[in-house]
Amino acid sequence: MEKFYAAEAAYIASGGYGKANYAEVAAYLDPEVVLHQAPGLPFSGTGTWRGHEGMERFLAAFSQTWESMEFLEQHHWGDADTVVVHNRVRFRARATGREVETLILQLITVKDGRMLECRPFYWDAGAITDACTPT
């Protein structure tokens, strides 16, 4: 998981779709990966993103929203099939330049060492939206 998060952060920092190497992220994802994002977030779109193509589209939207993503602290619990990850993250919004530090809890299903399904839960979705909304 740590390698996935590092690849994801590098993808965002590089500018995302068309500017970054998605293959470095995809290496940690099962071909049938499903991401369930909370509705109402600036980057959640339909809320469900499927397969490598869906994840690349999600990361394109995510990297349009965020200029940077820094993992400040991580804790992992689980086994070979299910992992719970507690992240303390600092984001910088592309549109506003504002930073937000928040907690994200992720429930992740793993298949053959790759992420199969992910359900992130954001501690303060309002703060995330506020950071991305121009005043």
Protein backbone atom coordinates (compact mmCIF):
# COMPACT_ATOMS: atom_id res chain seq x y z
CA MET A 1 0.00 0.00 0.00
CA GLU A 2 2.83 2.40 0.77
CA LYS A 3 4.20 1.98 -2.76
CA PHE A 4 0.74 2.64 -4.20
CA TYR A 5 0.38 5.85 -2.17
CA ALA A 6 3.83 7.03 -3.27
CA ALA A 7 2.96 6.37 -6.93
CA GLU A 8 -0.39 8.16 -6.51
CA ALA A 9 1.25 11.22 -4.91
CA ALA A 10 3.89 11.34 -7.68
CA TYR A 11 1.14 11.14 -10.32
CA ILE A 12 -0.67 14.11 -8.74
CA ALA A 13 2.53 16.14 -8.35
CA SER A 14 3.41 15.54 -12.00
CA GLY A 15 0.14 17.10 -13.13
CA GLY A 16 -1.95 14.00 -13.74
CA TYR A 17 -3.40 12.82 -17.03
CA GLY A 18 -1.18 13.41 -20.04
CA LYS A 19 1.69 14.60 -17.85
CA ALA A 20 2.31 11.72 -15.46
CA ASN A 21 3.00 8.01 -15.88
CA TYR A 22 -0.21 6.17 -14.95
CA ALA A 23 1.54 2.77 -15.35
CA GLU A 24 3.35 3.37 -12.05
CA VAL A 25 -0.02 3.61 -10.28
CA ALA A 26 -1.66 0.81 -12.29
CA ALA A 27 1.03 -1.66 -11.19
CA TYR A 28 -0.62 -1.75 -7.75
CA LEU A 29 -4.21 -2.13 -9.02
CA ASP A 30 -6.08 -5.26 -10.01
CA PRO A 31 -7.49 -4.97 -13.56
CA GLU A 32 -11.00 -5.21 -12.04
CA VAL A 33 -10.35 -2.51 -9.41
CA VAL A 34 -13.36 -0.54 -8.14
CA LEU A 35 -13.12 2.76 -6.28
CA HIS A 36 -16.18 4.06 -4.41
CA GLN A 37 -15.86 7.80 -3.71
CA ALA A 38 -18.21 9.72 -1.43
CA PRO A 39 -20.75 11.80 -3.34
CA GLY A 40 -20.47 15.58 -3.26
CA LEU A 41 -16.70 15.88 -3.21
CA PRO A 42 -15.09 18.08 -5.90
CA PHE A 43 -13.44 15.04 -7.51
CA SER A 44 -15.98 12.26 -6.90
CA GLY A 45 -17.81 12.40 -10.24
CA THR A 46 -20.23 9.49 -10.49
CA GLY A 47 -18.87 8.11 -7.24
CA THR A 48 -17.83 4.72 -8.65
CA TRP A 49 -14.77 4.22 -10.84
CA ARG A 50 -14.09 0.80 -12.41
CA GLY A 51 -11.04 -0.86 -13.91
CA HIS A 52 -7.78 0.71 -14.98
CA GLU A 53 -9.56 3.10 -17.34
CA GLY A 54 -11.91 4.25 -14.58
CA MET A 55 -9.06 4.73 -12.13
CA GLU A 56 -7.11 6.74 -14.67
CA ARG A 57 -10.17 8.96 -15.25
CA PHE A 58 -10.57 9.35 -11.47
CA LEU A 59 -6.92 10.30 -11.03
CA ALA A 60 -7.27 12.80 -13.89
CA ALA A 61 -10.16 14.49 -12.02
CA PHE A 62 -8.31 14.19 -8.72
CA SER A 63 -5.14 15.77 -10.14
CA GLN A 64 -7.19 18.61 -11.64
CA THR A 65 -8.48 19.28 -8.12
CA TRP A 66 -5.22 18.92 -6.20
CA GLU A 67 -1.81 20.39 -6.90
CA SER A 68 -0.16 18.27 -4.22
CA MET A 69 -0.93 15.47 -1.81
CA GLU A 70 1.37 14.72 1.11
CA PHE A 71 0.90 11.70 3.36
CA LEU A 72 1.85 12.88 6.84
CA GLU A 73 1.03 9.72 8.75
CA GLN A 74 -0.25 6.25 7.89
CA HIS A 75 -1.33 3.24 9.88
CA HIS A 76 -2.29 -0.10 8.31
CA TRP A 77 -4.27 -3.01 9.77
CA GLY A 78 -5.45 -6.19 8.14
CA ASP A 79 -4.39 -9.33 6.39
CA ALA A 80 -3.69 -10.50 2.83
CA ASP A 81 -7.31 -9.90 1.75
CA THR A 82 -8.51 -6.80 3.61
CA VAL A 83 -6.62 -3.72 4.73
CA VAL A 84 -7.77 -0.69 6.69
CA VAL A 85 -5.58 2.37 6.21
CA HIS A 86 -5.70 5.48 8.39
CA ASN A 87 -4.10 8.40 6.53
CA ARG A 88 -3.39 11.91 7.71
CA VAL A 89 -3.04 13.86 4.48
CA ARG A 90 -2.29 17.42 3.43
CA PHE A 91 -3.71 18.55 0.09
CA ARG A 92 -3.11 21.81 -1.80
CA ALA A 93 -5.98 22.81 -4.10
CA ARG A 94 -5.04 23.72 -7.65
CA ALA A 95 -7.81 26.32 -8.09
CA THR A 96 -7.22 28.22 -4.84
CA GLY A 97 -3.75 27.33 -3.58
CA ARG A 98 -5.30 26.64 -0.17
CA GLU A 99 -4.14 23.68 1.89
CA VAL A 100 -6.26 21.33 3.93
CA GLU A 101 -5.06 18.68 6.34
CA THR A 102 -7.52 15.89 6.98
CA LEU A 103 -7.93 12.24 7.91
CA ILE A 104 -9.00 9.55 5.45
CA LEU A 105 -9.91 6.03 6.49
CA GLN A 106 -9.86 3.50 3.65
CA LEU A 107 -11.32 0.02 3.56
CA ILE A 108 -9.39 -1.87 0.88
CA THR A 109 -9.89 -5.35 -0.54
CA VAL A 110 -6.75 -6.95 -1.96
CA LYS A 111 -6.44 -9.67 -4.58
CA ASP A 112 -3.07 -11.22 -5.44
CA GLY A 113 -1.26 -8.33 -3.75
CA ARG A 114 -3.11 -5.61 -5.70
CA MET A 115 -5.95 -3.28 -4.75
CA LEU A 116 -9.29 -4.75 -5.89
CA GLU A 117 -11.74 -2.43 -4.13
CA CYS A 118 -11.37 0.77 -2.14
CA ARG A 119 -13.88 2.73 -0.05
CA PRO A 120 -12.38 5.94 1.35
CA PHE A 121 -14.10 7.82 4.19
CA TYR A 122 -13.10 11.48 4.57
CA TRP A 123 -13.14 12.95 8.07
CA ASP A 124 -14.05 16.49 6.99
CA ALA A 125 -15.55 16.56 3.50
CA GLY A 126 -16.66 20.17 4.10
CA ALA A 127 -13.07 21.33 4.64
CA ILE A 128 -12.01 19.58 1.44
CA THR A 129 -14.78 21.30 -0.55
CA ASP A 130 -14.00 24.67 1.04
CA ALA A 131 -10.31 24.40 0.11
CA CYS A 132 -11.25 23.80 -3.53
CA THR A 133 -13.92 26.51 -3.82
CA PRO A 134 -12.75 29.94 -4.97
CA THR A 135 -14.06 32.77 -2.81
